[in-house]
N, C-alpha and C. Protein backbone atom coordinates (compact mmCIF):
# COMPACT_ATOMS: atom_id res chain seq x y z
N MET A 1 0.83 -1.17 0.00
CA MET A 1 0.00 0.00 0.00
C MET A 1 0.88 1.24 0.00
N ILE A 2 0.39 2.27 -0.63
CA ILE A 2 1.14 3.53 -0.71
C ILE A 2 0.47 4.56 0.20
N TYR A 3 1.27 5.15 1.08
CA TYR A 3 0.79 6.16 2.02
C TYR A 3 1.50 7.48 1.75
N GLN A 4 0.84 8.56 2.16
CA GLN A 4 1.44 9.89 2.05
C GLN A 4 1.31 10.58 3.40
N ILE A 5 2.42 11.17 3.85
CA ILE A 5 2.41 12.02 5.05
C ILE A 5 2.59 13.44 4.55
N SER A 6 1.74 14.35 5.00
CA SER A 6 1.77 15.71 4.50
C SER A 6 1.74 16.71 5.65
N SER A 7 2.44 17.83 5.44
CA SER A 7 2.38 18.92 6.41
C SER A 7 1.23 19.87 6.08
N GLY A 8 0.49 19.56 5.02
CA GLY A 8 -0.59 20.45 4.59
C GLY A 8 -0.01 21.77 4.16
N GLN A 9 -0.63 22.83 4.55
CA GLN A 9 -0.10 24.17 4.29
C GLN A 9 0.59 24.69 5.56
N GLY A 10 1.03 23.73 6.38
CA GLY A 10 1.59 24.06 7.68
C GLY A 10 2.95 24.73 7.63
N LEU A 11 3.40 25.14 8.79
CA LEU A 11 4.66 25.86 8.94
C LEU A 11 5.84 24.89 8.97
N ALA A 12 7.02 25.42 9.17
CA ALA A 12 8.24 24.61 9.18
C ALA A 12 8.19 23.53 10.27
N GLU A 13 7.49 23.82 11.37
CA GLU A 13 7.37 22.84 12.44
C GLU A 13 6.60 21.60 11.95
N CYS A 14 5.58 21.81 11.13
CA CYS A 14 4.82 20.68 10.57
C CYS A 14 5.70 19.88 9.61
N GLU A 15 6.55 20.58 8.86
CA GLU A 15 7.47 19.89 7.95
C GLU A 15 8.47 19.04 8.73
N LEU A 16 8.91 19.54 9.87
CA LEU A 16 9.78 18.75 10.75
C LEU A 16 9.02 17.55 11.30
N GLY A 17 7.75 17.75 11.61
CA GLY A 17 6.90 16.66 12.10
C GLY A 17 6.77 15.54 11.06
N VAL A 18 6.69 15.90 9.78
CA VAL A 18 6.63 14.88 8.72
C VAL A 18 7.90 14.03 8.75
N ALA A 19 9.05 14.68 8.87
CA ALA A 19 10.33 13.95 8.92
C ALA A 19 10.39 13.06 10.15
N LYS A 20 9.92 13.56 11.29
CA LYS A 20 9.97 12.77 12.52
C LYS A 20 9.01 11.58 12.45
N LEU A 21 7.81 11.78 11.89
CA LEU A 21 6.86 10.67 11.75
C LEU A 21 7.41 9.63 10.79
N LEU A 22 8.04 10.06 9.71
CA LEU A 22 8.64 9.11 8.77
C LEU A 22 9.73 8.30 9.48
N ASP A 23 10.60 8.96 10.26
CA ASP A 23 11.64 8.24 11.01
C ASP A 23 11.02 7.23 11.98
N TYR A 24 9.96 7.67 12.67
CA TYR A 24 9.28 6.79 13.63
C TYR A 24 8.74 5.55 12.92
N LEU A 25 8.06 5.75 11.79
CA LEU A 25 7.48 4.62 11.06
C LEU A 25 8.56 3.71 10.49
N GLN A 26 9.68 4.30 10.05
CA GLN A 26 10.78 3.48 9.50
C GLN A 26 11.42 2.60 10.57
N THR A 27 11.41 3.04 11.82
CA THR A 27 11.98 2.21 12.88
C THR A 27 11.04 1.08 13.30
N HIS A 28 9.73 1.23 13.04
CA HIS A 28 8.76 0.23 13.46
C HIS A 28 8.21 -0.65 12.32
N TYR A 29 8.37 -0.21 11.08
CA TYR A 29 7.81 -0.93 9.94
C TYR A 29 8.82 -0.98 8.80
N ASP A 30 8.61 -1.92 7.90
CA ASP A 30 9.44 -2.02 6.70
C ASP A 30 8.84 -1.07 5.65
N ILE A 31 9.56 0.01 5.35
CA ILE A 31 9.03 1.07 4.49
C ILE A 31 10.01 1.35 3.36
N THR A 32 9.46 1.55 2.15
CA THR A 32 10.26 1.96 1.00
C THR A 32 9.81 3.36 0.59
N LEU A 33 10.70 4.32 0.68
CA LEU A 33 10.37 5.70 0.33
C LEU A 33 10.27 5.83 -1.19
N LEU A 34 9.14 6.38 -1.68
CA LEU A 34 8.93 6.54 -3.12
C LEU A 34 9.35 7.92 -3.60
N ASP A 35 8.87 8.96 -2.93
CA ASP A 35 9.29 10.32 -3.27
C ASP A 35 9.04 11.24 -2.09
N ALA A 36 9.71 12.37 -2.14
CA ALA A 36 9.61 13.33 -1.05
C ALA A 36 9.69 14.75 -1.59
N SER A 37 8.93 15.63 -0.98
CA SER A 37 8.99 17.05 -1.32
C SER A 37 9.68 17.75 -0.15
N PRO A 38 10.87 18.30 -0.38
CA PRO A 38 11.65 18.86 0.74
C PRO A 38 10.99 20.09 1.36
N GLY A 39 11.24 20.26 2.65
CA GLY A 39 10.71 21.41 3.38
C GLY A 39 11.68 22.58 3.35
N TYR A 40 11.36 23.60 4.14
CA TYR A 40 12.16 24.83 4.18
C TYR A 40 13.54 24.57 4.78
N TYR A 41 13.58 23.81 5.87
CA TYR A 41 14.85 23.49 6.51
C TYR A 41 15.37 22.13 6.03
N ALA A 42 16.69 21.97 6.07
CA ALA A 42 17.31 20.70 5.66
C ALA A 42 16.80 19.57 6.55
N GLY A 43 16.51 18.44 5.94
CA GLY A 43 16.05 17.28 6.69
C GLY A 43 14.57 17.29 7.01
N THR A 44 13.83 18.28 6.51
CA THR A 44 12.37 18.33 6.71
C THR A 44 11.67 18.10 5.38
N PHE A 45 10.38 17.77 5.46
CA PHE A 45 9.62 17.46 4.24
C PHE A 45 8.24 18.10 4.28
N ARG A 46 7.81 18.62 3.13
CA ARG A 46 6.41 19.06 3.00
C ARG A 46 5.52 17.84 2.90
N SER A 47 6.01 16.83 2.18
CA SER A 47 5.27 15.57 2.10
C SER A 47 6.22 14.45 1.68
N VAL A 48 5.83 13.24 2.02
CA VAL A 48 6.55 12.04 1.58
C VAL A 48 5.53 10.99 1.19
N ARG A 49 5.89 10.19 0.19
CA ARG A 49 5.08 9.04 -0.19
C ARG A 49 5.95 7.80 -0.03
N PHE A 50 5.38 6.75 0.55
CA PHE A 50 6.15 5.54 0.77
C PHE A 50 5.26 4.31 0.59
N TYR A 51 5.92 3.18 0.36
CA TYR A 51 5.23 1.90 0.18
C TYR A 51 5.54 1.01 1.37
N THR A 52 4.52 0.31 1.84
CA THR A 52 4.70 -0.68 2.89
C THR A 52 3.59 -1.72 2.80
N GLU A 53 3.91 -2.93 3.22
CA GLU A 53 2.90 -4.00 3.31
C GLU A 53 2.14 -3.92 4.62
N ALA A 54 2.67 -3.15 5.57
CA ALA A 54 2.07 -3.05 6.90
C ALA A 54 0.75 -2.28 6.84
N ASP A 55 -0.14 -2.61 7.78
CA ASP A 55 -1.41 -1.90 7.90
C ASP A 55 -1.20 -0.69 8.81
N LEU A 56 -1.23 0.49 8.23
CA LEU A 56 -1.04 1.72 9.00
C LEU A 56 -2.35 2.49 9.16
N SER A 57 -3.47 1.78 9.17
CA SER A 57 -4.77 2.43 9.25
C SER A 57 -4.95 3.22 10.55
N GLU A 58 -4.23 2.85 11.61
CA GLU A 58 -4.35 3.58 12.87
C GLU A 58 -3.79 5.01 12.77
N TYR A 59 -3.03 5.31 11.73
CA TYR A 59 -2.45 6.63 11.56
C TYR A 59 -3.22 7.48 10.52
N ILE A 60 -4.10 6.86 9.75
CA ILE A 60 -4.77 7.59 8.67
C ILE A 60 -5.67 8.67 9.25
N GLY A 61 -5.48 9.88 8.77
CA GLY A 61 -6.19 11.05 9.26
C GLY A 61 -5.19 12.04 9.83
N SER A 62 -5.61 12.77 10.85
CA SER A 62 -4.72 13.75 11.48
C SER A 62 -3.83 13.09 12.51
N VAL A 63 -2.59 13.56 12.57
CA VAL A 63 -1.64 13.13 13.58
C VAL A 63 -1.17 14.38 14.31
N LEU A 64 -1.22 14.36 15.63
CA LEU A 64 -0.85 15.52 16.45
C LEU A 64 0.55 15.33 17.01
N TRP A 65 1.37 16.37 16.86
CA TRP A 65 2.69 16.39 17.48
C TRP A 65 2.72 17.56 18.45
N ILE A 66 2.89 17.28 19.74
CA ILE A 66 2.91 18.31 20.78
C ILE A 66 4.37 18.58 21.13
N CYS A 67 4.81 19.80 20.79
CA CYS A 67 6.22 20.15 21.03
C CYS A 67 6.40 21.66 20.89
N ARG A 68 7.26 22.22 21.69
CA ARG A 68 7.63 23.63 21.53
C ARG A 68 8.40 23.78 20.22
N SER A 69 8.23 24.88 19.55
CA SER A 69 8.89 25.10 18.26
C SER A 69 10.40 25.17 18.42
N PRO A 70 11.14 24.33 17.67
CA PRO A 70 12.60 24.41 17.71
C PRO A 70 13.12 25.59 16.89
N TYR A 71 12.28 26.15 16.04
CA TYR A 71 12.68 27.25 15.17
C TYR A 71 12.34 28.61 15.76
N ARG A 72 11.28 28.66 16.59
CA ARG A 72 10.84 29.92 17.21
C ARG A 72 10.61 29.66 18.70
N PRO A 73 11.67 29.68 19.51
CA PRO A 73 11.58 29.27 20.92
C PRO A 73 10.54 30.05 21.74
N GLY A 74 10.27 31.30 21.40
CA GLY A 74 9.32 32.09 22.17
C GLY A 74 7.88 31.93 21.72
N HIS A 75 7.66 31.13 20.71
CA HIS A 75 6.31 30.98 20.16
C HIS A 75 5.44 30.18 21.12
N ARG A 76 4.18 30.63 21.32
CA ARG A 76 3.29 29.98 22.27
C ARG A 76 2.68 28.69 21.74
N ARG A 77 2.52 28.58 20.45
CA ARG A 77 1.87 27.40 19.88
C ARG A 77 2.77 26.16 20.04
N LYS A 78 2.15 25.04 20.43
CA LYS A 78 2.92 23.81 20.55
C LYS A 78 2.21 22.59 19.96
N ASN A 79 1.05 22.77 19.35
CA ASN A 79 0.33 21.68 18.70
C ASN A 79 0.51 21.79 17.19
N TRP A 80 1.09 20.76 16.58
CA TRP A 80 1.36 20.75 15.14
C TRP A 80 0.67 19.52 14.54
N PHE A 81 -0.08 19.74 13.46
CA PHE A 81 -0.85 18.65 12.86
C PHE A 81 -0.27 18.22 11.52
N LEU A 82 -0.31 16.91 11.29
CA LEU A 82 0.14 16.29 10.05
C LEU A 82 -1.02 15.50 9.48
N ASP A 83 -0.96 15.18 8.21
CA ASP A 83 -2.01 14.38 7.57
C ASP A 83 -1.38 13.11 7.02
N VAL A 84 -2.02 11.98 7.29
CA VAL A 84 -1.60 10.69 6.73
C VAL A 84 -2.78 10.13 5.97
N HIS A 85 -2.56 9.77 4.72
CA HIS A 85 -3.64 9.12 3.98
C HIS A 85 -3.11 8.03 3.07
N LEU A 86 -4.02 7.12 2.75
CA LEU A 86 -3.72 5.99 1.88
C LEU A 86 -3.94 6.45 0.44
N CYS A 87 -2.91 6.34 -0.38
CA CYS A 87 -2.99 6.77 -1.78
C CYS A 87 -3.54 5.65 -2.64
N GLU A 88 -4.35 6.03 -3.60
CA GLU A 88 -4.77 5.05 -4.59
C GLU A 88 -3.67 4.95 -5.62
N ALA A 89 -3.39 3.72 -6.02
CA ALA A 89 -2.34 3.52 -7.03
C ALA A 89 -2.95 3.66 -8.42
N ALA A 90 -2.21 4.28 -9.32
CA ALA A 90 -2.67 4.40 -10.71
C ALA A 90 -2.70 3.02 -11.33
N ARG A 91 -3.74 2.76 -12.08
CA ARG A 91 -3.87 1.46 -12.75
C ARG A 91 -3.06 1.48 -14.03
N ILE A 92 -1.92 0.83 -13.98
CA ILE A 92 -1.04 0.77 -15.13
C ILE A 92 -1.14 -0.61 -15.74
N SER A 93 -1.41 -0.63 -17.03
CA SER A 93 -1.54 -1.92 -17.70
C SER A 93 -0.44 -2.07 -18.74
N ALA A 94 0.14 -3.25 -18.79
CA ALA A 94 1.17 -3.54 -19.78
C ALA A 94 0.49 -3.81 -21.12
N PHE A 95 1.11 -3.34 -22.18
CA PHE A 95 0.56 -3.53 -23.52
C PHE A 95 0.73 -4.98 -23.93
N ASP A 96 -0.36 -5.60 -24.36
CA ASP A 96 -0.35 -7.00 -24.78
C ASP A 96 -0.72 -7.08 -26.26
N PRO A 97 0.24 -7.35 -27.15
CA PRO A 97 -0.04 -7.40 -28.59
C PRO A 97 -1.06 -8.48 -28.97
N GLU A 98 -1.23 -9.47 -28.09
CA GLU A 98 -2.20 -10.54 -28.36
C GLU A 98 -3.64 -10.02 -28.28
N GLN A 99 -3.83 -8.86 -27.64
CA GLN A 99 -5.16 -8.29 -27.47
C GLN A 99 -5.53 -7.31 -28.60
N VAL A 100 -4.76 -7.30 -29.66
CA VAL A 100 -5.01 -6.40 -30.79
C VAL A 100 -5.77 -7.16 -31.88
N VAL A 101 -6.84 -6.55 -32.37
CA VAL A 101 -7.64 -7.12 -33.45
C VAL A 101 -7.39 -6.28 -34.69
N PHE A 102 -7.10 -6.94 -35.81
CA PHE A 102 -6.81 -6.23 -37.06
C PHE A 102 -7.98 -6.38 -38.03
N ASP A 103 -8.22 -5.31 -38.75
CA ASP A 103 -9.21 -5.30 -39.83
C ASP A 103 -8.50 -4.70 -41.04
N THR A 104 -8.57 -5.39 -42.18
CA THR A 104 -7.87 -4.89 -43.37
C THR A 104 -8.87 -4.37 -44.39
N PHE A 105 -8.38 -3.45 -45.23
CA PHE A 105 -9.22 -2.87 -46.29
C PHE A 105 -8.33 -2.36 -47.40
N ARG A 106 -8.92 -2.10 -48.55
CA ARG A 106 -8.17 -1.52 -49.66
C ARG A 106 -7.98 -0.04 -49.39
N SER A 107 -6.75 0.40 -49.54
CA SER A 107 -6.46 1.80 -49.25
C SER A 107 -6.11 2.55 -50.52
N GLY A 108 -6.39 3.84 -50.51
CA GLY A 108 -6.02 4.69 -51.63
C GLY A 108 -4.59 5.19 -51.45
N GLY A 109 -4.10 5.91 -52.42
CA GLY A 109 -2.77 6.49 -52.30
C GLY A 109 -1.79 5.86 -53.24
N LYS A 110 -0.51 5.93 -52.88
CA LYS A 110 0.55 5.42 -53.74
C LYS A 110 0.44 3.92 -53.94
N GLY A 111 0.93 3.46 -55.07
CA GLY A 111 0.97 2.03 -55.30
C GLY A 111 0.39 1.61 -56.63
N GLY A 112 -0.17 2.52 -57.37
CA GLY A 112 -0.71 2.19 -58.69
C GLY A 112 -1.84 1.18 -58.61
N GLN A 113 -1.84 0.22 -59.52
CA GLN A 113 -2.91 -0.77 -59.55
C GLN A 113 -2.85 -1.70 -58.33
N HIS A 114 -1.69 -1.79 -57.70
CA HIS A 114 -1.54 -2.61 -56.50
C HIS A 114 -2.57 -2.20 -55.44
N VAL A 115 -2.87 -0.90 -55.37
CA VAL A 115 -3.80 -0.38 -54.38
C VAL A 115 -5.18 -0.98 -54.57
N ASN A 116 -5.61 -1.14 -55.78
CA ASN A 116 -6.95 -1.63 -56.05
C ASN A 116 -7.09 -3.14 -55.90
N LYS A 117 -5.98 -3.88 -55.82
CA LYS A 117 -6.04 -5.34 -55.80
C LYS A 117 -5.85 -5.93 -54.40
N VAL A 118 -5.08 -5.26 -53.55
CA VAL A 118 -4.67 -5.85 -52.27
C VAL A 118 -5.22 -5.01 -51.11
N GLU A 119 -5.67 -5.71 -50.08
CA GLU A 119 -6.12 -5.01 -48.86
C GLU A 119 -4.90 -4.70 -48.01
N SER A 120 -4.25 -3.57 -48.29
CA SER A 120 -3.03 -3.23 -47.56
C SER A 120 -3.29 -2.29 -46.38
N GLY A 121 -4.43 -1.60 -46.38
CA GLY A 121 -4.77 -0.73 -45.25
C GLY A 121 -5.13 -1.56 -44.02
N VAL A 122 -4.77 -1.05 -42.84
CA VAL A 122 -5.00 -1.80 -41.60
C VAL A 122 -5.66 -0.89 -40.56
N ARG A 123 -6.69 -1.42 -39.93
CA ARG A 123 -7.30 -0.79 -38.75
C ARG A 123 -7.01 -1.73 -37.60
N ALA A 124 -6.38 -1.21 -36.55
CA ALA A 124 -6.03 -2.03 -35.39
C ALA A 124 -6.78 -1.52 -34.18
N ILE A 125 -7.38 -2.43 -33.43
CA ILE A 125 -8.15 -2.08 -32.23
C ILE A 125 -7.55 -2.83 -31.05
N TYR A 126 -7.22 -2.07 -29.99
CA TYR A 126 -6.71 -2.68 -28.76
C TYR A 126 -7.93 -2.97 -27.88
N VAL A 127 -8.27 -4.22 -27.73
CA VAL A 127 -9.53 -4.65 -27.11
C VAL A 127 -9.70 -4.15 -25.66
N PRO A 128 -8.68 -4.23 -24.78
CA PRO A 128 -8.91 -3.82 -23.38
C PRO A 128 -9.33 -2.35 -23.23
N THR A 129 -8.83 -1.47 -24.09
CA THR A 129 -9.15 -0.04 -23.95
C THR A 129 -10.09 0.47 -25.03
N GLY A 130 -10.22 -0.26 -26.11
CA GLY A 130 -11.06 0.20 -27.22
C GLY A 130 -10.37 1.22 -28.11
N GLN A 131 -9.09 1.48 -27.89
CA GLN A 131 -8.36 2.44 -28.72
C GLN A 131 -8.13 1.83 -30.10
N ALA A 132 -8.25 2.68 -31.13
CA ALA A 132 -8.09 2.20 -32.50
C ALA A 132 -7.21 3.16 -33.29
N VAL A 133 -6.45 2.59 -34.24
CA VAL A 133 -5.63 3.39 -35.15
C VAL A 133 -5.81 2.82 -36.56
N VAL A 134 -5.60 3.69 -37.55
CA VAL A 134 -5.65 3.28 -38.95
C VAL A 134 -4.30 3.60 -39.56
N CYS A 135 -3.79 2.65 -40.34
CA CYS A 135 -2.49 2.84 -40.98
C CYS A 135 -2.60 2.43 -42.45
N THR A 136 -2.29 3.39 -43.34
CA THR A 136 -2.37 3.13 -44.79
C THR A 136 -1.12 3.64 -45.51
N GLU A 137 -0.10 4.05 -44.78
CA GLU A 137 1.06 4.69 -45.40
C GLU A 137 1.91 3.73 -46.24
N GLU A 138 2.01 2.50 -45.81
CA GLU A 138 2.88 1.54 -46.48
C GLU A 138 2.13 0.76 -47.55
N ARG A 139 2.88 0.18 -48.49
CA ARG A 139 2.26 -0.60 -49.56
C ARG A 139 1.91 -2.01 -49.11
N SER A 140 2.60 -2.52 -48.11
CA SER A 140 2.32 -3.89 -47.67
C SER A 140 1.48 -3.90 -46.40
N GLN A 141 0.64 -4.90 -46.32
CA GLN A 141 -0.22 -5.07 -45.15
C GLN A 141 0.63 -5.33 -43.90
N TYR A 142 1.69 -6.13 -44.04
CA TYR A 142 2.56 -6.44 -42.91
C TYR A 142 3.18 -5.17 -42.32
N ALA A 143 3.71 -4.31 -43.19
CA ALA A 143 4.34 -3.06 -42.71
C ALA A 143 3.31 -2.16 -42.03
N ASN A 144 2.09 -2.10 -42.58
CA ASN A 144 1.04 -1.29 -41.95
C ASN A 144 0.63 -1.87 -40.59
N LYS A 145 0.62 -3.21 -40.47
CA LYS A 145 0.31 -3.83 -39.18
C LYS A 145 1.36 -3.47 -38.14
N GLN A 146 2.63 -3.51 -38.54
CA GLN A 146 3.72 -3.18 -37.61
C GLN A 146 3.61 -1.73 -37.13
N LYS A 147 3.31 -0.82 -38.07
CA LYS A 147 3.15 0.59 -37.71
C LYS A 147 1.95 0.77 -36.78
N ALA A 148 0.85 0.09 -37.08
CA ALA A 148 -0.34 0.20 -36.25
C ALA A 148 -0.08 -0.31 -34.85
N LEU A 149 0.66 -1.42 -34.73
CA LEU A 149 1.01 -1.96 -33.41
C LEU A 149 1.83 -0.96 -32.61
N SER A 150 2.83 -0.36 -33.24
CA SER A 150 3.67 0.60 -32.51
C SER A 150 2.87 1.84 -32.10
N ARG A 151 1.92 2.26 -32.93
CA ARG A 151 1.07 3.41 -32.57
C ARG A 151 0.16 3.08 -31.39
N LEU A 152 -0.40 1.87 -31.39
CA LEU A 152 -1.24 1.47 -30.27
C LEU A 152 -0.44 1.37 -28.98
N GLN A 153 0.78 0.86 -29.09
CA GLN A 153 1.64 0.76 -27.91
C GLN A 153 1.96 2.15 -27.37
N ALA A 154 2.22 3.10 -28.25
CA ALA A 154 2.49 4.48 -27.83
C ALA A 154 1.26 5.08 -27.15
N LEU A 155 0.07 4.80 -27.68
CA LEU A 155 -1.17 5.28 -27.05
C LEU A 155 -1.34 4.70 -25.65
N ALA A 156 -1.05 3.40 -25.50
CA ALA A 156 -1.18 2.75 -24.20
C ALA A 156 -0.19 3.35 -23.19
N GLN A 157 1.04 3.63 -23.63
CA GLN A 157 2.04 4.24 -22.74
C GLN A 157 1.62 5.64 -22.34
N LYS A 158 1.09 6.40 -23.28
CA LYS A 158 0.62 7.77 -22.97
C LYS A 158 -0.53 7.72 -21.98
N SER A 159 -1.43 6.76 -22.15
CA SER A 159 -2.55 6.60 -21.22
C SER A 159 -2.06 6.28 -19.82
N ASN A 160 -1.05 5.41 -19.70
CA ASN A 160 -0.47 5.09 -18.39
C ASN A 160 0.16 6.32 -17.75
N LEU A 161 0.91 7.09 -18.54
CA LEU A 161 1.54 8.31 -18.01
C LEU A 161 0.50 9.32 -17.56
N ASP A 162 -0.58 9.46 -18.32
CA ASP A 162 -1.65 10.38 -17.95
C ASP A 162 -2.31 9.97 -16.64
N GLN A 163 -2.52 8.66 -16.46
CA GLN A 163 -3.12 8.17 -15.21
C GLN A 163 -2.20 8.41 -14.02
N GLN A 164 -0.90 8.21 -14.22
CA GLN A 164 0.06 8.46 -13.14
C GLN A 164 0.07 9.94 -12.76
N ALA A 165 0.06 10.82 -13.75
CA ALA A 165 0.06 12.26 -13.48
C ALA A 165 -1.22 12.68 -12.77
N GLN A 166 -2.34 12.13 -13.18
CA GLN A 166 -3.61 12.46 -12.56
C GLN A 166 -3.62 11.98 -11.10
N GLN A 167 -3.08 10.80 -10.84
CA GLN A 167 -3.05 10.29 -9.48
C GLN A 167 -2.12 11.12 -8.60
N LYS A 168 -0.99 11.54 -9.16
CA LYS A 168 -0.05 12.38 -8.40
C LYS A 168 -0.70 13.71 -8.05
N SER A 169 -1.44 14.28 -9.00
CA SER A 169 -2.15 15.54 -8.76
C SER A 169 -3.21 15.37 -7.68
N GLN A 170 -3.93 14.25 -7.73
CA GLN A 170 -4.96 13.99 -6.73
C GLN A 170 -4.34 13.84 -5.34
N ASN A 171 -3.20 13.16 -5.25
CA ASN A 171 -2.51 13.03 -3.97
C ASN A 171 -2.03 14.38 -3.47
N TRP A 172 -1.56 15.24 -4.37
CA TRP A 172 -1.06 16.55 -3.98
C TRP A 172 -2.18 17.41 -3.39
N ARG A 173 -3.42 17.22 -3.87
CA ARG A 173 -4.55 18.00 -3.36
C ARG A 173 -4.84 17.73 -1.90
N HIS A 174 -4.33 16.62 -1.37
CA HIS A 174 -4.52 16.32 0.05
C HIS A 174 -3.79 17.30 0.95
N HIS A 175 -2.86 18.06 0.41
CA HIS A 175 -2.14 19.06 1.22
C HIS A 175 -3.10 20.11 1.76
N THR A 176 -4.16 20.39 1.05
CA THR A 176 -5.09 21.43 1.49
C THR A 176 -6.21 20.86 2.35
N ARG A 177 -6.25 19.55 2.54
CA ARG A 177 -7.34 18.92 3.28
C ARG A 177 -6.96 18.52 4.70
N LEU A 178 -5.89 19.05 5.20
CA LEU A 178 -5.44 18.69 6.54
C LEU A 178 -6.47 19.14 7.57
N GLU A 179 -6.92 18.19 8.38
CA GLU A 179 -7.90 18.49 9.43
C GLU A 179 -7.14 18.69 10.74
N ARG A 180 -7.30 19.87 11.33
CA ARG A 180 -6.64 20.15 12.60
C ARG A 180 -7.61 19.79 13.72
N GLY A 181 -7.25 18.79 14.48
CA GLY A 181 -8.11 18.28 15.54
C GLY A 181 -8.50 16.85 15.22
N ASN A 182 -9.13 16.19 16.18
CA ASN A 182 -9.58 14.82 16.02
C ASN A 182 -8.43 13.90 15.56
N ALA A 183 -7.31 13.98 16.26
CA ALA A 183 -6.11 13.24 15.88
C ALA A 183 -6.26 11.74 16.09
N LYS A 184 -5.76 10.98 15.15
CA LYS A 184 -5.77 9.51 15.24
C LYS A 184 -4.61 9.01 16.09
N ALA A 185 -3.50 9.75 16.08
CA ALA A 185 -2.33 9.38 16.88
C ALA A 185 -1.69 10.66 17.40
N CYS A 186 -1.08 10.57 18.58
CA CYS A 186 -0.44 11.74 19.20
C CYS A 186 1.00 11.40 19.57
N PHE A 187 1.88 12.37 19.34
CA PHE A 187 3.29 12.23 19.68
C PHE A 187 3.70 13.46 20.47
N GLU A 188 4.78 13.32 21.26
CA GLU A 188 5.17 14.42 22.13
C GLU A 188 6.68 14.59 22.13
N GLY A 189 7.12 15.86 22.17
CA GLY A 189 8.51 16.21 22.34
C GLY A 189 9.38 16.01 21.10
N MET A 190 10.60 16.52 21.20
CA MET A 190 11.55 16.38 20.10
C MET A 190 11.97 14.93 19.87
N GLU A 191 11.83 14.10 20.91
CA GLU A 191 12.15 12.68 20.74
C GLU A 191 11.02 11.92 20.06
N PHE A 192 9.90 12.60 19.82
CA PHE A 192 8.73 12.06 19.08
C PHE A 192 8.26 10.76 19.73
N ARG A 193 7.89 10.89 21.00
CA ARG A 193 7.42 9.75 21.78
C ARG A 193 5.89 9.64 21.65
N ARG A 194 5.40 8.45 21.37
CA ARG A 194 3.94 8.26 21.18
C ARG A 194 3.24 8.30 22.55
N ILE A 195 2.13 9.03 22.60
CA ILE A 195 1.36 9.12 23.86
C ILE A 195 -0.05 8.60 23.63
């Protein structure tokens, strides 16, 4: 499962809290860091995304860190909120040439009388997505099939990239949804001790 820890639109203290929560989780669970958005200070993060097989549902939602600000010692505020949520993974499908259906037809264009005698034009349909391409540039049906296959593969790759970008954008929108209060887990002090 892929999780994201976010400081929301929080201050540098929240960004430090993201780094501390990530360290805490790494010491207790097997975690693979996928990407991170660095914070204002070195070693802090605006957000991090990571993969783990562990069930972290007890952390999903708001996480409260109670600590005096290490950056502004005279500041009265000591409650800093972080957001943890489960990310949906983009559905990426591998292109399978066996799932392509070809339809041939006589094509116009170059080739003289050959054009009127042979079905060299190709329409290729990728069954799982319904995407279709037409290829009539080449004189041979085989060459048109090869071109159609490569075009369908390019369309499938573009579709996968679009889904990944859309999912990343959706995850980024969680930065503005941080709920302050109703914390699922609470931590205290610079040593980030769970209470």
